Amino acid sequence: MARLRYRVKGEGPKVVLLNGLFQRLESWDPVVPLLGGYTLLRYDMRGQGESEAPEGPYTPKVHAQDLLALLQELGWEEASLVGLSNGGIVALQAALMAPTRFRGLVLACTTPYLDPALRAKVGSWLHALKAGGTPLRLRVALPWIYGAGFLNAHPELLTEEGLASLIAQAPDERAQERLLLGFLSLEDLRPRLHSLALPALVLYGKEDLLFPKPYAQALAEALGAELQALPTGHAAPLEDPLAFAQAVRKFLEEIHA
């Protein structure tokens, strides 16, 4: 297990919030106040934020092993998982490895498999990173990450000042490369998901260009899960924290009723 920075807040049933690929645990700040009544665990995955960034690609299985070790260290015998993007993939992998450890899954703006279109999108970030470092990678990624409505409402994200803020939050470039290579190693999880008997909610953003609805549909079908749309792009918890939190809270209340 890598050394991981984490934060626990609240009281009630235990819930883990799993970051997107380049995020820090602070990315959940808009959502946390809206999920009162639950014990929330947030953490930086290996290579993210202030967590350790050891050698090697950070595959979903490696991230899942880190998560299970962290839960063991904290003495959490049961929890629900709320994963965004790559965090959703890690949640799926962890549930496949230890299904009895988890109460339910919320999988937002994510996918259970990679096709050539997805590989081309994310592969372009890797090429941009190698060609122009973090600034170019961010410029290439921005229109895929945020919905048109959000970008049009926040044009400051496209300015040098806006990019500087995002650059400051990004992992170092070697860690970004390992994170991308790990994501691109994803195998098709769908054949294994049919046997995963856990309550699940699959969320997708109506303006998500990176993982549009068909990926969410495939995931929901494989899990026998509920499928729900959000009025966002890919970064749903940041673009509309209230809509995201309401969907998560409704699901958690149902499984803990």
C-alpha atoms as a PDB file:
ATOM      1  CA  MET A   1       0.000   0.000   0.000  1.00  0.00           C
ATOM      2  CA  ALA A   2       1.239   3.480  -0.862  1.00  0.00           C
ATOM      3  CA  ARG A   3       1.209   6.131   1.877  1.00  0.00           C
ATOM      4  CA  LEU A   4      -2.109   7.887   1.356  1.00  0.00           C
ATOM      5  CA  ARG A   5      -3.380  11.232   2.615  1.00  0.00           C
ATOM      6  CA  TYR A   6      -6.959  10.887   3.798  1.00  0.00           C
ATOM      7  CA  ARG A   7      -9.648  12.743   5.698  1.00  0.00           C
ATOM      8  CA  VAL A   8     -12.632  11.389   7.659  1.00  0.00           C
ATOM      9  CA  LYS A   9     -15.588  13.606   8.529  1.00  0.00           C
ATOM     10  CA  GLY A  10     -19.123  13.142   9.864  1.00  0.00           C
ATOM     11  CA  GLU A  11     -21.126  10.490  11.660  1.00  0.00           C
ATOM     12  CA  GLY A  12     -23.381   7.722  10.429  1.00  0.00           C
ATOM     13  CA  PRO A  13     -23.068   4.960   7.812  1.00  0.00           C
ATOM     14  CA  LYS A  14     -19.646   4.864   6.223  1.00  0.00           C
ATOM     15  CA  VAL A  15     -19.133   6.168   2.671  1.00  0.00           C
ATOM     16  CA  VAL A  16     -15.929   6.448   0.631  1.00  0.00           C
ATOM     17  CA  LEU A  17     -15.603   9.187  -2.010  1.00  0.00           C
ATOM     18  CA  LEU A  18     -13.221   8.132  -4.781  1.00  0.00           C
ATOM     19  CA  ASN A  19     -11.481  10.817  -6.860  1.00  0.00           C
ATOM     20  CA  GLY A  20     -11.291  11.224 -10.587  1.00  0.00           C
ATOM     21  CA  LEU A  21      -7.941  10.654 -12.269  1.00  0.00           C
ATOM     22  CA  PHE A  22      -6.074  13.886 -11.467  1.00  0.00           C
ATOM     23  CA  GLN A  23      -8.124  15.130  -8.526  1.00  0.00           C
ATOM     24  CA  ARG A  24      -7.301  15.775  -4.881  1.00  0.00           C
ATOM     25  CA  LEU A  25      -9.613  14.997  -1.971  1.00  0.00           C
ATOM     26  CA  GLU A  26     -10.532  18.712  -1.891  1.00  0.00           C
ATOM     27  CA  SER A  27     -12.456  18.211  -5.133  1.00  0.00           C
ATOM     28  CA  TRP A  28     -15.280  16.826  -2.961  1.00  0.00           C
ATOM     29  CA  ASP A  29     -15.537  20.006  -0.875  1.00  0.00           C
ATOM     30  CA  PRO A  30     -18.719  21.222  -2.620  1.00  0.00           C
ATOM     31  CA  VAL A  31     -20.461  17.880  -1.986  1.00  0.00           C
ATOM     32  CA  VAL A  32     -19.417  17.076   1.593  1.00  0.00           C
ATOM     33  CA  PRO A  33     -21.713  19.634   3.322  1.00  0.00           C
ATOM     34  CA  LEU A  34     -24.640  18.163   1.382  1.00  0.00           C
ATOM     35  CA  LEU A  35     -24.065  14.619   2.689  1.00  0.00           C
ATOM     36  CA  GLY A  36     -24.625  15.137   6.410  1.00  0.00           C
ATOM     37  CA  GLY A  37     -25.576  12.048   8.389  1.00  0.00           C
ATOM     38  CA  TYR A  38     -22.789   9.919   6.891  1.00  0.00           C
ATOM     39  CA  THR A  39     -19.168   9.260   7.816  1.00  0.00           C
ATOM     40  CA  LEU A  40     -17.262  10.346   4.724  1.00  0.00           C
ATOM     41  CA  LEU A  41     -13.784   9.126   3.849  1.00  0.00           C
ATOM     42  CA  ARG A  42     -11.898  11.074   1.193  1.00  0.00           C
ATOM     43  CA  TYR A  43      -8.351  10.314   0.136  1.00  0.00           C
ATOM     44  CA  ASP A  44      -5.749  11.052  -2.507  1.00  0.00           C
ATOM     45  CA  MET A  45      -5.031   7.912  -4.498  1.00  0.00           C
ATOM     46  CA  ARG A  46      -1.403   7.061  -5.144  1.00  0.00           C
ATOM     47  CA  GLY A  47       0.067   9.718  -7.411  1.00  0.00           C
ATOM     48  CA  GLN A  48      -2.587  12.279  -6.464  1.00  0.00           C
ATOM     49  CA  GLY A  49      -2.343  15.289  -4.162  1.00  0.00           C
ATOM     50  CA  GLU A  50      -0.104  14.632  -1.190  1.00  0.00           C
ATOM     51  CA  SER A  51      -0.130  10.839  -1.348  1.00  0.00           C
ATOM     52  CA  GLU A  52       2.921   8.800  -2.262  1.00  0.00           C
ATOM     53  CA  ALA A  53       3.769   8.438  -5.955  1.00  0.00           C
ATOM     54  CA  PRO A  54       5.848   5.254  -6.277  1.00  0.00           C
ATOM     55  CA  GLU A  55       7.148   3.796  -9.521  1.00  0.00           C
ATOM     56  CA  GLY A  56       4.952   1.800 -11.905  1.00  0.00           C
ATOM     57  CA  PRO A  57       1.591   2.370 -13.630  1.00  0.00           C
ATOM     58  CA  TYR A  58      -1.311   2.857 -11.273  1.00  0.00           C
ATOM     59  CA  THR A  59      -3.785   0.283 -12.540  1.00  0.00           C
ATOM     60  CA  PRO A  60      -7.346  -0.054 -11.226  1.00  0.00           C
ATOM     61  CA  LYS A  61      -6.281  -3.197  -9.374  1.00  0.00           C
ATOM     62  CA  VAL A  62      -3.390  -1.383  -7.655  1.00  0.00           C
ATOM     63  CA  HIS A  63      -5.708   1.468  -6.639  1.00  0.00           C
ATOM     64  CA  ALA A  64      -8.252  -1.056  -5.344  1.00  0.00           C
ATOM     65  CA  GLN A  65      -5.589  -2.822  -3.285  1.00  0.00           C
ATOM     66  CA  ASP A  66      -4.652   0.537  -1.768  1.00  0.00           C
ATOM     67  CA  LEU A  67      -8.307   1.221  -0.922  1.00  0.00           C
ATOM     68  CA  LEU A  68      -8.814  -2.151   0.745  1.00  0.00           C
ATOM     69  CA  ALA A  69      -5.623  -1.695   2.760  1.00  0.00           C
ATOM     70  CA  LEU A  70      -6.748   1.780   3.860  1.00  0.00           C
ATOM     71  CA  LEU A  71     -10.131   0.457   4.975  1.00  0.00           C
ATOM     72  CA  GLN A  72      -8.361  -2.295   6.894  1.00  0.00           C
ATOM     73  CA  GLU A  73      -6.096   0.257   8.562  1.00  0.00           C
ATOM     74  CA  LEU A  74      -9.122   2.355   9.577  1.00  0.00           C
ATOM     75  CA  GLY A  75     -11.044  -0.670  10.833  1.00  0.00           C
ATOM     76  CA  TRP A  76     -13.890  -0.119   8.372  1.00  0.00           C
ATOM     77  CA  GLU A  77     -15.502  -3.506   7.865  1.00  0.00           C
ATOM     78  CA  GLU A  78     -18.285  -2.152   5.647  1.00  0.00           C
ATOM     79  CA  ALA A  79     -18.796   0.934   3.495  1.00  0.00           C
ATOM     80  CA  SER A  80     -20.538   2.246   0.416  1.00  0.00           C
ATOM     81  CA  LEU A  81     -18.435   3.545  -2.454  1.00  0.00           C
ATOM     82  CA  VAL A  82     -19.092   6.703  -4.478  1.00  0.00           C
ATOM     83  CA  GLY A  83     -16.677   6.876  -7.396  1.00  0.00           C
ATOM     84  CA  LEU A  84     -16.247   9.511 -10.090  1.00  0.00           C
ATOM     85  CA  SER A  85     -14.687   8.622 -13.454  1.00  0.00           C
ATOM     86  CA  ASN A  86     -11.522   6.616 -12.679  1.00  0.00           C
ATOM     87  CA  GLY A  87     -12.757   6.481  -9.088  1.00  0.00           C
ATOM     88  CA  GLY A  88     -15.786   4.576 -10.350  1.00  0.00           C
ATOM     89  CA  ILE A  89     -13.514   2.072 -12.055  1.00  0.00           C
ATOM     90  CA  VAL A  90     -11.540   1.653  -8.835  1.00  0.00           C
ATOM     91  CA  ALA A  91     -14.813   1.140  -6.947  1.00  0.00           C
ATOM     92  CA  LEU A  92     -15.810  -1.600  -9.385  1.00  0.00           C
ATOM     93  CA  GLN A  93     -12.437  -3.302  -9.071  1.00  0.00           C
ATOM     94  CA  ALA A  94     -12.532  -3.151  -5.264  1.00  0.00           C
ATOM     95  CA  ALA A  95     -16.067  -4.568  -5.202  1.00  0.00           C
ATOM     96  CA  LEU A  96     -15.016  -7.424  -7.471  1.00  0.00           C
ATOM     97  CA  MET A  97     -12.055  -8.183  -5.194  1.00  0.00           C
ATOM     98  CA  ALA A  98     -13.976  -7.972  -1.897  1.00  0.00           C
ATOM     99  CA  PRO A  99     -17.754  -7.820  -2.500  1.00  0.00           C
ATOM    100  CA  THR A 100     -18.693  -8.551   1.117  1.00  0.00           C
ATOM    101  CA  ARG A 101     -16.896  -5.380   2.258  1.00  0.00           C
ATOM    102  CA  PHE A 102     -19.323  -3.047   0.517  1.00  0.00           C
ATOM    103  CA  ARG A 103     -22.941  -2.042   0.998  1.00  0.00           C
ATOM    104  CA  GLY A 104     -23.570  -0.312  -2.327  1.00  0.00           C
ATOM    105  CA  LEU A 105     -21.983   1.505  -5.265  1.00  0.00           C
ATOM    106  CA  VAL A 106     -22.596   4.913  -6.822  1.00  0.00           C
ATOM    107  CA  LEU A 107     -20.709   5.063 -10.109  1.00  0.00           C
ATOM    108  CA  ALA A 108     -20.648   8.490 -11.731  1.00  0.00           C
ATOM    109  CA  CYS A 109     -19.441   9.481 -15.199  1.00  0.00           C
ATOM    110  CA  THR A 110     -17.479   6.281 -15.614  1.00  0.00           C
ATOM    111  CA  THR A 111     -17.121   3.179 -17.761  1.00  0.00           C
ATOM    112  CA  PRO A 112     -16.552  -0.567 -17.323  1.00  0.00           C
ATOM    113  CA  TYR A 113     -14.485  -0.876 -20.517  1.00  0.00           C
ATOM    114  CA  LEU A 114     -12.361   1.028 -23.029  1.00  0.00           C
ATOM    115  CA  ASP A 115     -13.109   1.170 -26.726  1.00  0.00           C
ATOM    116  CA  PRO A 116     -10.995   2.809 -29.462  1.00  0.00           C
ATOM    117  CA  ALA A 117     -12.849   6.122 -29.051  1.00  0.00           C
ATOM    118  CA  LEU A 118     -12.082   6.324 -25.346  1.00  0.00           C
ATOM    119  CA  ARG A 119      -8.490   5.258 -25.891  1.00  0.00           C
ATOM    120  CA  ALA A 120      -8.100   8.034 -28.463  1.00  0.00           C
ATOM    121  CA  LYS A 121      -9.507  10.660 -26.091  1.00  0.00           C
ATOM    122  CA  VAL A 122      -7.412   9.736 -23.079  1.00  0.00           C
ATOM    123  CA  GLY A 123      -4.410   8.822 -25.213  1.00  0.00           C
ATOM    124  CA  SER A 124      -4.406  12.385 -26.551  1.00  0.00           C
ATOM    125  CA  TRP A 125      -3.886  13.623 -22.977  1.00  0.00           C
ATOM    126  CA  LEU A 126      -0.818  11.433 -22.662  1.00  0.00           C
ATOM    127  CA  HIS A 127       0.612  12.782 -25.912  1.00  0.00           C
ATOM    128  CA  ALA A 128      -0.180  16.354 -24.844  1.00  0.00           C
ATOM    129  CA  LEU A 129       1.525  15.762 -21.491  1.00  0.00           C
ATOM    130  CA  LYS A 130       4.671  14.525 -23.217  1.00  0.00           C
ATOM    131  CA  ALA A 131       4.627  17.347 -25.774  1.00  0.00           C
ATOM    132  CA  GLY A 132       3.797  20.321 -23.568  1.00  0.00           C
ATOM    133  CA  GLY A 133       3.604  19.216 -19.952  1.00  0.00           C
ATOM    134  CA  THR A 134       0.698  19.905 -17.623  1.00  0.00           C
ATOM    135  CA  PRO A 135      -0.426  23.192 -19.293  1.00  0.00           C
ATOM    136  CA  LEU A 136      -0.948  21.555 -22.683  1.00  0.00           C
ATOM    137  CA  ARG A 137      -2.528  18.452 -21.151  1.00  0.00           C
ATOM    138  CA  LEU A 138      -5.041  20.675 -19.341  1.00  0.00           C
ATOM    139  CA  ARG A 139      -5.883  22.683 -22.453  1.00  0.00           C
ATOM    140  CA  VAL A 140      -6.532  19.476 -24.382  1.00  0.00           C
ATOM    141  CA  ALA A 141      -8.595  17.978 -21.532  1.00  0.00           C
ATOM    142  CA  LEU A 142     -10.763  20.947 -20.502  1.00  0.00           C
ATOM    143  CA  PRO A 143     -13.495  20.611 -23.173  1.00  0.00           C
ATOM    144  CA  TRP A 144     -13.785  16.893 -22.402  1.00  0.00           C
ATOM    145  CA  ILE A 145     -13.942  17.350 -18.630  1.00  0.00           C
ATOM    146  CA  TYR A 146     -16.423  20.199 -18.263  1.00  0.00           C
ATOM    147  CA  GLY A 147     -19.821  20.465 -19.929  1.00  0.00           C
ATOM    148  CA  ALA A 148     -20.543  23.257 -22.370  1.00  0.00           C
ATOM    149  CA  GLY A 149     -22.960  24.923 -19.963  1.00  0.00           C
ATOM    150  CA  PHE A 150     -20.375  24.994 -17.187  1.00  0.00           C
ATOM    151  CA  LEU A 151     -17.559  26.256 -19.410  1.00  0.00           C
ATOM    152  CA  ASN A 152     -19.769  28.973 -20.877  1.00  0.00           C
ATOM    153  CA  ALA A 153     -20.696  30.055 -17.345  1.00  0.00           C
ATOM    154  CA  HIS A 154     -17.046  29.964 -16.224  1.00  0.00           C
ATOM    155  CA  PRO A 155     -14.902  31.328 -19.077  1.00  0.00           C
ATOM    156  CA  GLU A 156     -12.246  32.224 -16.505  1.00  0.00           C
ATOM    157  CA  LEU A 157     -11.184  28.563 -16.574  1.00  0.00           C
ATOM    158  CA  LEU A 158      -9.746  29.208 -20.036  1.00  0.00           C
ATOM    159  CA  THR A 159      -7.608  32.150 -18.938  1.00  0.00           C
ATOM    160  CA  GLU A 160      -4.003  31.919 -17.823  1.00  0.00           C
ATOM    161  CA  GLU A 161      -5.127  32.589 -14.237  1.00  0.00           C
ATOM    162  CA  GLY A 162      -7.728  29.831 -14.387  1.00  0.00           C
ATOM    163  CA  LEU A 163      -5.263  27.366 -15.830  1.00  0.00           C
ATOM    164  CA  ALA A 164      -2.676  28.333 -13.218  1.00  0.00           C
ATOM    165  CA  SER A 165      -5.107  27.296 -10.479  1.00  0.00           C
ATOM    166  CA  LEU A 166      -5.714  23.925 -12.147  1.00  0.00           C
ATOM    167  CA  ILE A 167      -1.992  23.415 -12.737  1.00  0.00           C
ATOM    168  CA  ALA A 168      -1.307  24.022  -9.050  1.00  0.00           C
ATOM    169  CA  GLN A 169      -3.726  21.221  -8.118  1.00  0.00           C
ATOM    170  CA  ALA A 170      -2.381  18.699 -10.653  1.00  0.00           C
ATOM    171  CA  PRO A 171      -0.047  15.839  -9.748  1.00  0.00           C
ATOM    172  CA  ASP A 172       3.521  16.093 -10.974  1.00  0.00           C
ATOM    173  CA  GLU A 173       4.040  15.066 -14.569  1.00  0.00           C
ATOM    174  CA  ARG A 174       5.599  11.672 -13.856  1.00  0.00           C
ATOM    175  CA  ALA A 175       2.627  10.811 -11.632  1.00  0.00           C
ATOM    176  CA  GLN A 176       0.216  12.015 -14.321  1.00  0.00           C
ATOM    177  CA  GLU A 177       1.846   9.675 -16.822  1.00  0.00           C
ATOM    178  CA  ARG A 178       1.563   6.730 -14.428  1.00  0.00           C
ATOM    179  CA  LEU A 179      -2.074   7.569 -13.722  1.00  0.00           C
ATOM    180  CA  LEU A 180      -2.876   7.744 -17.441  1.00  0.00           C
ATOM    181  CA  LEU A 181      -1.059   4.508 -18.241  1.00  0.00           C
ATOM    182  CA  GLY A 182      -2.879   2.803 -15.395  1.00  0.00           C
ATOM    183  CA  PHE A 183      -6.242   4.005 -16.668  1.00  0.00           C
ATOM    184  CA  LEU A 184      -5.421   2.864 -20.215  1.00  0.00           C
ATOM    185  CA  SER A 185      -4.665  -0.638 -18.886  1.00  0.00           C
ATOM    186  CA  LEU A 186      -8.341  -1.183 -17.996  1.00  0.00           C
ATOM    187  CA  GLU A 187      -9.692  -4.549 -19.130  1.00  0.00           C
ATOM    188  CA  ASP A 188     -13.353  -5.080 -19.978  1.00  0.00           C
ATOM    189  CA  LEU A 189     -15.049  -5.623 -16.606  1.00  0.00           C
ATOM    190  CA  ARG A 190     -18.532  -6.305 -17.967  1.00  0.00           C
ATOM    191  CA  PRO A 191     -18.325 -10.125 -18.043  1.00  0.00           C
ATOM    192  CA  ARG A 192     -17.450 -10.138 -14.329  1.00  0.00           C
ATOM    193  CA  LEU A 193     -20.013  -7.574 -13.213  1.00  0.00           C
ATOM    194  CA  HIS A 194     -23.054  -9.785 -13.820  1.00  0.00           C
ATOM    195  CA  SER A 195     -22.127 -11.811 -10.717  1.00  0.00           C
ATOM    196  CA  LEU A 196     -21.719  -8.738  -8.491  1.00  0.00           C
ATOM    197  CA  ALA A 197     -24.833  -8.738  -6.304  1.00  0.00           C
ATOM    198  CA  LEU A 198     -24.580  -5.219  -4.859  1.00  0.00           C
ATOM    199  CA  PRO A 199     -27.097  -2.372  -5.045  1.00  0.00           C
ATOM    200  CA  ALA A 200     -25.770   0.169  -7.520  1.00  0.00           C
ATOM    201  CA  LEU A 201     -26.644   3.525  -9.023  1.00  0.00           C
ATOM    202  CA  VAL A 202     -25.053   4.648 -12.294  1.00  0.00           C
ATOM    203  CA  LEU A 203     -24.979   8.383 -12.987  1.00  0.00           C
ATOM    204  CA  TYR A 204     -24.027  10.091 -16.231  1.00  0.00           C
ATOM    205  CA  GLY A 205     -23.809  13.708 -17.313  1.00  0.00           C
ATOM    206  CA  LYS A 206     -26.021  14.803 -20.174  1.00  0.00           C
ATOM    207  CA  GLU A 207     -23.149  16.989 -21.401  1.00  0.00           C
ATOM    208  CA  ASP A 208     -20.384  14.468 -20.683  1.00  0.00           C
ATOM    209  CA  LEU A 209     -18.334  14.233 -23.878  1.00  0.00           C
ATOM    210  CA  LEU A 210     -15.675  12.003 -22.360  1.00  0.00           C
ATOM    211  CA  PHE A 211     -17.919   9.141 -21.151  1.00  0.00           C
ATOM    212  CA  PRO A 212     -21.312   9.782 -22.777  1.00  0.00           C
ATOM    213  CA  LYS A 213     -24.496   7.864 -22.016  1.00  0.00           C
ATOM    214  CA  PRO A 214     -23.742   4.591 -23.882  1.00  0.00           C
ATOM    215  CA  TYR A 215     -20.932   3.756 -21.428  1.00  0.00           C
ATOM    216  CA  ALA A 216     -23.249   4.353 -18.477  1.00  0.00           C
ATOM    217  CA  GLN A 217     -25.944   2.243 -20.117  1.00  0.00           C
ATOM    218  CA  ALA A 218     -23.512  -0.632 -20.622  1.00  0.00           C
ATOM    219  CA  LEU A 219     -22.436  -0.391 -16.990  1.00  0.00           C
ATOM    220  CA  ALA A 220     -25.992  -0.259 -15.664  1.00  0.00           C
ATOM    221  CA  GLU A 221     -26.988  -3.252 -17.788  1.00  0.00           C
ATOM    222  CA  ALA A 222     -24.002  -5.301 -16.601  1.00  0.00           C
ATOM    223  CA  LEU A 223     -24.816  -4.540 -12.955  1.00  0.00           C
ATOM    224  CA  GLY A 224     -28.607  -4.579 -13.206  1.00  0.00           C
ATOM    225  CA  ALA A 225     -28.379  -1.060 -11.758  1.00  0.00           C
ATOM    226  CA  GLU A 226     -30.515   2.062 -11.869  1.00  0.00           C
ATOM    227  CA  LEU A 227     -29.421   4.619 -14.469  1.00  0.00           C
ATOM    228  CA  GLN A 228     -29.880   8.343 -13.842  1.00  0.00           C
ATOM    229  CA  ALA A 229     -28.921  11.475 -15.771  1.00  0.00           C
ATOM    230  CA  LEU A 230     -27.383  14.620 -14.296  1.00  0.00           C
ATOM    231  CA  PRO A 231     -27.466  18.100 -15.947  1.00  0.00           C
ATOM    232  CA  THR A 232     -23.668  18.239 -16.152  1.00  0.00           C
ATOM    233  CA  GLY A 233     -20.562  17.369 -18.070  1.00  0.00           C
ATOM    234  CA  HIS A 234     -17.962  14.898 -16.839  1.00  0.00           C
ATOM    235  CA  ALA A 235     -17.030  16.733 -13.622  1.00  0.00           C
ATOM    236  CA  ALA A 236     -20.499  16.303 -12.133  1.00  0.00           C
ATOM    237  CA  PRO A 237     -19.753  16.924  -8.414  1.00  0.00           C
ATOM    238  CA  LEU A 238     -18.029  20.205  -9.269  1.00  0.00           C
ATOM    239  CA  GLU A 239     -20.483  21.379 -11.911  1.00  0.00           C
ATOM    240  CA  ASP A 240     -23.687  20.730  -9.964  1.00  0.00           C
ATOM    241  CA  PRO A 241     -22.941  19.606  -6.400  1.00  0.00           C
ATOM    242  CA  LEU A 242     -26.589  19.768  -5.338  1.00  0.00           C
ATOM    243  CA  ALA A 243     -27.919  17.525  -8.102  1.00  0.00           C
ATOM    244  CA  PHE A 244     -25.067  15.086  -7.548  1.00  0.00           C
ATOM    245  CA  ALA A 245     -25.524  14.985  -3.767  1.00  0.00           C
ATOM    246  CA  GLN A 246     -29.296  14.584  -4.032  1.00  0.00           C
ATOM    247  CA  ALA A 247     -28.889  11.532  -6.262  1.00  0.00           C
ATOM    248  CA  VAL A 248     -26.275  10.017  -3.962  1.00  0.00           C
ATOM    249  CA  ARG A 249     -28.261  10.741  -0.802  1.00  0.00           C
ATOM    250  CA  LYS A 250     -31.452   9.190  -2.198  1.00  0.00           C
ATOM    251  CA  PHE A 251     -29.563   5.997  -3.064  1.00  0.00           C
ATOM    252  CA  LEU A 252     -27.811   5.820   0.302  1.00  0.00           C
ATOM    253  CA  GLU A 253     -31.082   6.367   2.178  1.00  0.00           C
ATOM    254  CA  GLU A 254     -32.666   3.489   0.244  1.00  0.00           C
ATOM    255  CA  ILE A 255     -29.895   0.987   0.938  1.00  0.00           C
ATOM    256  CA  HIS A 256     -29.719   1.985   4.623  1.00  0.00           C
ATOM    257  CA  ALA A 257     -33.498   2.066   5.179  1.00  0.00           C
END
